[in-house]
Protein backbone atom coordinates (compact mmCIF):
# COMPACT_ATOMS: atom_id res chain seq x y z
CA MET A 1 32.03 1.28 30.96
CA GLU A 2 34.84 2.08 28.58
CA PRO A 3 33.65 4.00 25.52
CA ARG A 4 34.49 2.74 22.07
CA ASN A 5 34.58 4.83 18.93
CA HIS A 6 32.09 3.76 16.25
CA THR A 7 34.97 2.74 13.98
CA ASP A 8 35.95 0.06 16.52
CA VAL A 9 32.45 -1.43 16.67
CA SER A 10 32.20 -4.41 14.36
CA GLU A 11 28.84 -5.80 15.43
CA PHE A 12 25.84 -5.53 17.73
CA LEU A 13 23.86 -8.34 19.34
CA LEU A 14 20.13 -8.71 18.67
CA LEU A 15 18.90 -10.26 21.91
CA GLY A 16 15.49 -11.06 20.40
CA LEU A 17 12.21 -11.73 22.16
CA THR A 18 13.32 -14.40 24.64
CA ASP A 19 16.42 -16.09 26.03
CA ASP A 20 14.69 -19.45 26.32
CA PRO A 21 16.27 -21.82 23.74
CA GLU A 22 13.21 -24.08 23.81
CA LEU A 23 11.06 -21.26 22.42
CA GLN A 24 13.38 -20.49 19.50
CA PRO A 25 11.95 -23.16 17.11
CA PHE A 26 8.43 -21.93 17.89
CA LEU A 27 9.42 -18.30 17.21
CA PHE A 28 11.14 -19.33 13.99
CA CYS A 29 8.01 -21.11 12.69
CA LEU A 30 5.71 -18.31 13.88
CA PHE A 31 7.65 -15.47 12.27
CA LEU A 32 8.37 -17.42 9.12
CA SER A 33 4.62 -18.05 8.74
CA MET A 34 3.80 -14.40 9.41
CA TYR A 35 6.43 -13.25 6.91
CA LEU A 36 5.18 -15.59 4.18
CA VAL A 37 1.58 -14.50 4.78
CA THR A 38 2.68 -10.85 4.61
CA LEU A 39 4.55 -11.42 1.35
CA LEU A 40 1.76 -13.41 -0.29
CA GLY A 41 -1.05 -11.10 0.78
CA ASN A 42 0.66 -7.88 -0.25
CA LEU A 43 2.02 -9.32 -3.51
CA LEU A 44 -1.51 -10.42 -4.41
CA ILE A 45 -2.78 -6.89 -3.87
CA ILE A 46 -0.01 -5.43 -6.06
CA LEU A 47 -0.68 -8.03 -8.75
CA ALA A 48 -4.44 -7.46 -8.62
CA VAL A 49 -4.13 -3.68 -8.89
CA SER A 50 -1.61 -3.83 -11.73
CA SER A 51 -3.47 -6.49 -13.74
CA ASP A 52 -7.06 -5.21 -13.64
CA SER A 53 -7.96 -1.91 -15.31
CA HIS A 54 -10.99 -1.48 -13.03
CA LEU A 55 -8.59 -1.03 -10.13
CA HIS A 56 -6.52 1.68 -11.83
CA THR A 57 -7.95 4.34 -9.53
CA PRO A 58 -6.25 6.62 -6.98
CA MET A 59 -7.40 4.54 -4.02
CA TYR A 60 -5.90 1.31 -5.38
CA PHE A 61 -2.81 3.13 -6.62
CA PHE A 62 -2.05 4.20 -3.05
CA LEU A 63 -3.02 0.76 -1.76
CA ALA A 64 -0.50 -0.95 -4.05
CA ASN A 65 2.22 1.41 -2.83
CA LEU A 66 1.20 0.71 0.77
CA SER A 67 1.50 -3.02 0.12
CA PHE A 68 4.97 -2.55 -1.36
CA THR A 69 5.99 -0.52 1.71
CA ASP A 70 4.66 -3.25 4.01
CA ILE A 71 6.77 -5.82 2.16
CA CYS A 72 9.87 -3.63 2.51
CA LEU A 73 9.34 -3.09 6.24
CA SER A 74 8.81 -6.80 6.94
CA THR A 75 11.75 -7.82 4.74
CA THR A 76 14.03 -5.39 6.55
CA THR A 77 13.38 -6.95 9.96
CA ILE A 78 12.07 -10.52 9.91
CA PRO A 79 14.57 -12.40 7.64
CA LYS A 80 17.55 -11.32 9.77
CA MET A 81 15.74 -12.54 12.86
CA LEU A 82 15.05 -15.90 11.19
CA VAL A 83 18.68 -16.27 10.10
CA ASN A 84 19.91 -15.53 13.61
CA ILE A 85 17.54 -18.07 15.16
CA GLN A 86 18.50 -20.73 12.63
CA ALA A 87 22.22 -20.09 13.04
CA GLN A 88 21.92 -19.64 16.82
CA ASN A 89 23.83 -16.41 16.40
CA GLN A 90 22.61 -13.06 17.71
CA SER A 91 25.13 -10.84 15.92
CA ILE A 92 24.47 -8.18 13.31
CA THR A 93 27.27 -6.13 11.76
CA TYR A 94 27.60 -2.42 12.51
CA THR A 95 26.90 -1.61 8.86
CA GLY A 96 24.00 -4.05 8.79
CA CYS A 97 22.49 -2.50 11.89
CA LEU A 98 22.67 1.03 10.48
CA THR A 99 21.24 -0.23 7.19
CA GLN A 100 18.36 -1.82 9.07
CA VAL A 101 17.74 1.41 11.01
CA TYR A 102 17.67 3.36 7.75
CA PHE A 103 15.19 1.13 5.94
CA VAL A 104 12.92 0.66 8.96
CA LEU A 105 12.69 4.44 9.37
CA THR A 106 12.14 4.97 5.65
CA SER A 107 9.34 2.39 5.50
CA ALA A 108 7.66 3.64 8.68
CA CYS A 109 7.72 7.28 7.52
CA LEU A 110 6.50 6.32 4.07
CA GLU A 111 3.63 4.32 5.55
CA ASN A 112 2.57 7.39 7.53
CA PHE A 113 2.49 9.54 4.41
CA LEU A 114 0.65 6.90 2.35
CA LEU A 115 -2.06 6.54 4.98
CA ALA A 116 -2.46 10.33 4.95
CA ALA A 117 -2.63 10.37 1.13
CA MET A 118 -5.29 7.65 1.21
CA ALA A 119 -7.28 9.66 3.76
CA TYR A 120 -7.11 12.71 1.48
CA ASP A 121 -8.27 10.56 -1.43
CA ARG A 122 -11.31 9.41 0.59
CA TYR A 123 -12.00 13.01 1.63
CA VAL A 124 -12.06 14.19 -2.00
CA ALA A 125 -14.18 11.20 -3.09
CA ILE A 126 -16.88 11.86 -0.49
CA CYS A 127 -16.79 15.62 0.00
CA HIS A 128 -16.05 16.62 -3.62
CA PRO A 129 -17.31 13.72 -5.76
CA LEU A 130 -17.95 15.80 -8.89
CA ARG A 131 -14.39 17.09 -8.93
CA TYR A 132 -12.78 13.83 -7.83
CA THR A 133 -11.20 12.84 -11.15
CA VAL A 134 -9.92 16.38 -11.69
CA ILE A 135 -8.39 16.79 -8.23
CA MET A 136 -6.95 13.26 -7.92
CA SER A 137 -5.20 13.39 -11.28
CA PRO A 138 -2.39 10.96 -12.17
CA GLN A 139 0.08 13.83 -11.84
CA LEU A 140 -1.02 14.57 -8.28
CA ARG A 141 -0.89 10.89 -7.32
CA VAL A 142 2.69 10.50 -8.58
CA LEU A 143 3.69 13.79 -6.97
CA LEU A 144 2.33 12.67 -3.58
CA ILE A 145 4.24 9.39 -3.81
CA LEU A 146 7.50 11.09 -4.85
CA LEU A 147 7.24 13.73 -2.12
CA SER A 148 6.45 11.07 0.48
CA LEU A 149 9.41 8.99 -0.63
CA PHE A 150 11.75 11.99 -0.68
CA PHE A 151 10.87 13.16 2.83
CA SER A 152 11.01 9.60 4.18
CA LEU A 153 14.43 8.94 2.67
CA ALA A 154 15.74 12.31 3.90
CA ALA A 155 14.46 11.82 7.46
CA ALA A 156 15.86 8.29 7.66
CA LEU A 157 19.22 9.40 6.23
CA LEU A 158 19.50 12.25 8.75
CA GLN A 159 18.74 9.94 11.67
CA SER A 160 21.17 7.28 10.46
CA LEU A 161 23.99 9.75 9.88
CA MET A 162 23.54 11.13 13.39
CA VAL A 163 24.23 7.65 14.77
CA LEU A 164 27.66 7.72 13.09
CA ARG A 165 28.81 10.46 15.47
CA LEU A 166 28.20 8.29 18.55
CA SER A 167 30.75 6.27 20.52
CA PHE A 168 29.58 2.96 21.95
CA CYS A 169 30.32 1.03 25.12
CA LYS A 170 31.35 -2.59 25.54
CA ASP A 171 27.75 -3.67 26.14
CA LEU A 172 26.37 -3.86 22.58
CA GLY A 173 23.27 -6.00 23.21
CA ILE A 174 20.05 -4.62 21.67
CA PRO A 175 16.95 -6.00 23.49
CA HIS A 176 14.98 -6.26 20.24
CA PHE A 177 14.76 -8.55 17.23
CA PHE A 178 15.87 -5.70 14.97
CA CYS A 179 17.97 -2.55 15.25
CA GLU A 180 15.51 -0.02 16.57
CA LEU A 181 16.96 3.49 16.54
CA ALA A 182 16.07 4.36 20.14
CA GLN A 183 17.62 1.14 21.44
CA VAL A 184 20.82 1.67 19.43
CA ILE A 185 21.18 5.19 20.85
CA LYS A 186 20.77 3.86 24.41
CA LEU A 187 23.97 1.84 23.93
CA ALA A 188 26.06 4.94 23.26
CA CYS A 189 28.51 6.25 25.86
CA SER A 190 28.79 9.68 24.22
CA ASP A 191 26.27 12.48 24.55
CA THR A 192 22.98 11.52 22.87
CA LEU A 193 20.96 14.67 23.62
CA ILE A 194 20.96 15.84 19.99
CA ASN A 195 19.97 12.36 18.79
CA THR A 196 17.12 12.18 21.30
CA ILE A 197 15.83 15.63 20.37
CA LEU A 198 16.03 14.70 16.69
CA ILE A 199 14.03 11.51 17.29
CA TYR A 200 11.19 13.43 18.94
CA PHE A 201 11.32 16.17 16.30
CA VAL A 202 11.16 13.73 13.38
CA ALA A 203 8.46 11.67 15.11
CA SER A 204 6.32 14.75 15.72
CA MET A 205 6.83 16.06 12.19
CA PHE A 206 6.65 12.87 10.13
CA GLY A 207 4.16 11.13 12.38
CA GLY A 208 2.14 14.02 13.76
CA ILE A 209 1.55 15.91 10.50
CA PRO A 210 0.23 12.88 8.55
CA LEU A 211 -1.91 11.87 11.53
CA SER A 212 -3.28 15.42 11.76
CA GLY A 213 -4.11 15.25 8.05
CA ILE A 214 -5.92 11.95 8.57
CA ILE A 215 -7.92 13.34 11.51
CA PHE A 216 -8.83 16.48 9.54
CA SER A 217 -9.89 14.41 6.52
CA TYR A 218 -12.15 12.18 8.57
CA THR A 219 -13.60 15.14 10.45
CA GLN A 220 -14.67 16.60 7.11
CA ILE A 221 -15.88 13.20 5.90
CA VAL A 222 -18.06 12.62 8.98
CA SER A 223 -19.46 16.14 8.73
CA SER A 224 -20.30 15.61 5.05
CA VAL A 225 -21.82 12.17 5.61
CA LEU A 226 -24.05 13.38 8.43
CA ARG A 227 -25.54 15.95 6.06
CA MET A 228 -26.53 13.27 3.55
CA PRO A 229 -30.32 12.82 3.41
CA SER A 230 -30.44 9.08 2.65
CA VAL A 231 -29.41 6.30 4.99
CA GLY A 232 -28.12 4.30 2.02
CA GLY A 233 -25.77 7.11 1.04
CA LYS A 234 -24.40 7.30 4.57
CA LEU A 235 -23.78 3.56 4.73
CA LYS A 236 -22.06 3.58 1.34
CA ALA A 237 -19.82 6.47 2.37
CA PHE A 238 -18.80 4.78 5.60
CA SER A 239 -18.16 1.48 3.81
CA ILE A 240 -15.82 3.28 1.41
CA CYS A 241 -13.75 4.51 4.37
CA GLY A 242 -14.08 1.38 6.51
CA SER A 243 -11.01 -0.48 5.26
CA HIS A 244 -8.70 2.52 5.40
CA LEU A 245 -9.95 3.53 8.83
CA SER A 246 -9.31 -0.01 10.09
CA VAL A 247 -5.75 0.05 8.74
CA VAL A 248 -5.11 3.48 10.27
CA SER A 249 -6.44 2.33 13.65
CA LEU A 250 -4.29 -0.80 13.55
CA PHE A 251 -1.11 1.04 12.53
CA TYR A 252 -1.31 3.94 14.97
CA GLY A 253 -2.95 1.91 17.73
CA THR A 254 -0.17 -0.67 17.79
CA ALA A 255 2.53 2.02 17.55
CA VAL A 256 1.07 3.96 20.50
CA GLY A 257 0.66 0.73 22.45
CA ALA A 258 4.31 -0.18 21.85
CA TYR A 259 5.44 3.28 22.95
CA ILE A 260 3.38 3.17 26.15
CA SER A 261 4.73 -0.31 26.90
CA SER A 262 8.31 0.90 26.54
CA VAL A 263 7.63 3.82 28.92
CA VAL A 264 5.74 2.08 31.71
CA THR A 265 7.57 -1.26 31.86
CA ASP A 266 10.90 -2.00 33.52
CA SER A 267 11.44 -5.18 31.54
CA SER A 268 13.83 -5.00 28.59
CA LYS A 269 11.89 -7.71 26.72
CA LYS A 270 8.36 -6.30 26.85
CA PRO A 271 9.13 -3.37 24.49
CA ALA A 272 10.59 -5.90 22.04
CA VAL A 273 7.39 -7.95 22.17
CA ALA A 274 5.33 -4.78 21.80
CA SER A 275 7.36 -3.74 18.75
CA VAL A 276 6.09 -6.86 16.97
CA MET A 277 2.65 -5.27 17.08
CA TYR A 278 3.63 -2.34 14.87
CA VAL A 279 6.46 -3.81 12.76
CA VAL A 280 4.91 -7.18 11.91
CA VAL A 281 1.19 -7.42 12.65
CA PRO A 282 -0.20 -4.42 10.67
CA GLN A 283 1.81 -5.38 7.59
CA MET A 284 0.36 -8.89 7.74
CA MET A 285 -3.22 -7.81 8.47
CA ASN A 286 -3.57 -4.99 5.91
CA PRO A 287 -4.24 -7.31 2.92
CA PHE A 288 -6.92 -9.19 4.89
CA ILE A 289 -8.61 -5.95 5.94
CA TYR A 290 -8.84 -4.66 2.38
CA ASN A 291 -9.77 -8.02 0.87
CA LEU A 292 -12.49 -8.85 3.36
CA ARG A 293 -14.15 -5.43 3.15
CA ASN A 294 -13.72 -4.71 -0.55
CA ARG A 295 -15.98 -6.43 -3.09
CA ASP A 296 -13.99 -5.30 -6.14
CA MET A 297 -10.72 -6.56 -4.70
CA LYS A 298 -12.21 -9.92 -3.76
CA GLY A 299 -13.55 -10.35 -7.29
CA VAL A 300 -10.20 -9.64 -8.93
CA LEU A 301 -8.35 -11.91 -6.51
CA ARG A 302 -10.77 -14.76 -7.25
CA LYS A 303 -10.00 -14.38 -10.96
CA LEU A 304 -6.26 -14.34 -10.30
CA ILE A 305 -6.32 -17.39 -8.02
CA SER A 306 -8.62 -19.36 -10.32
CA GLY A 307 -6.35 -18.56 -13.27
CA MET A 308 -3.17 -19.69 -11.55
CA PRO A 309 -3.59 -23.46 -12.17
CA SER A 310 -3.88 -22.85 -15.91
CA LEU A 311 -0.65 -20.88 -15.84
CA LEU A 312 1.28 -23.62 -14.09
């Protein structure tokens, strides 16, 4: 295939989840519903945390930031897919594709760091309860968020800038519903070795280090809980970590499942379907996980929902 310089590329094609035109209306309704549920659920969490002083704690501070990140990740990917389905047009501009790559990477990295920060918060709460308020000070919370955001923005910027050096071929179809970095790189005709190495390096650093921190935190938590004399204390400790552990399992489980699917399958569509599991599903399910398992959150949400009719 004849290589084309990146300056000559005006657009890519998002091939989506299926070529069947009869399924497009179903996909539009399905993803629109999932996006609206994601927006509503995460906005309710942010509103609940910001409006109730009882939820002004480190755990809910990180949870509100996680909800905002989930909204950003979903907004970066799903609306463009819906517009393309509605317009029956698969194109996305070169600039739009790179922008999508940048914000998807930023949101994914930031989610990793936030989950690690939440695990550390649970570790301090259970293993060092008497020093909890001192260790998890407002200054530390803000510092963790700022550092997470800085490293996420820097990693995403580096990856996006490295795409600018690539030349692309005539075939510009991306077998996904969004511009996934690995799929964009596969379309390049120039040497992509540096880009591939950088992907694995960033994934191991910005995915592996937070995951290692989560595993270490929960190792210490389990060890501390097992030493507790009362059964009630053990159950309370595990219930405190239950929601976060469920979210962690969902996020990393779906991401690993999508990666394995992309490696073992020969189909170009199956990785795209698998990517839905880590780009869409966790962001939609996180509010339900925290609301269903958290008594304080459910109480605040009831007050908010019951007060809405009087505000209208």
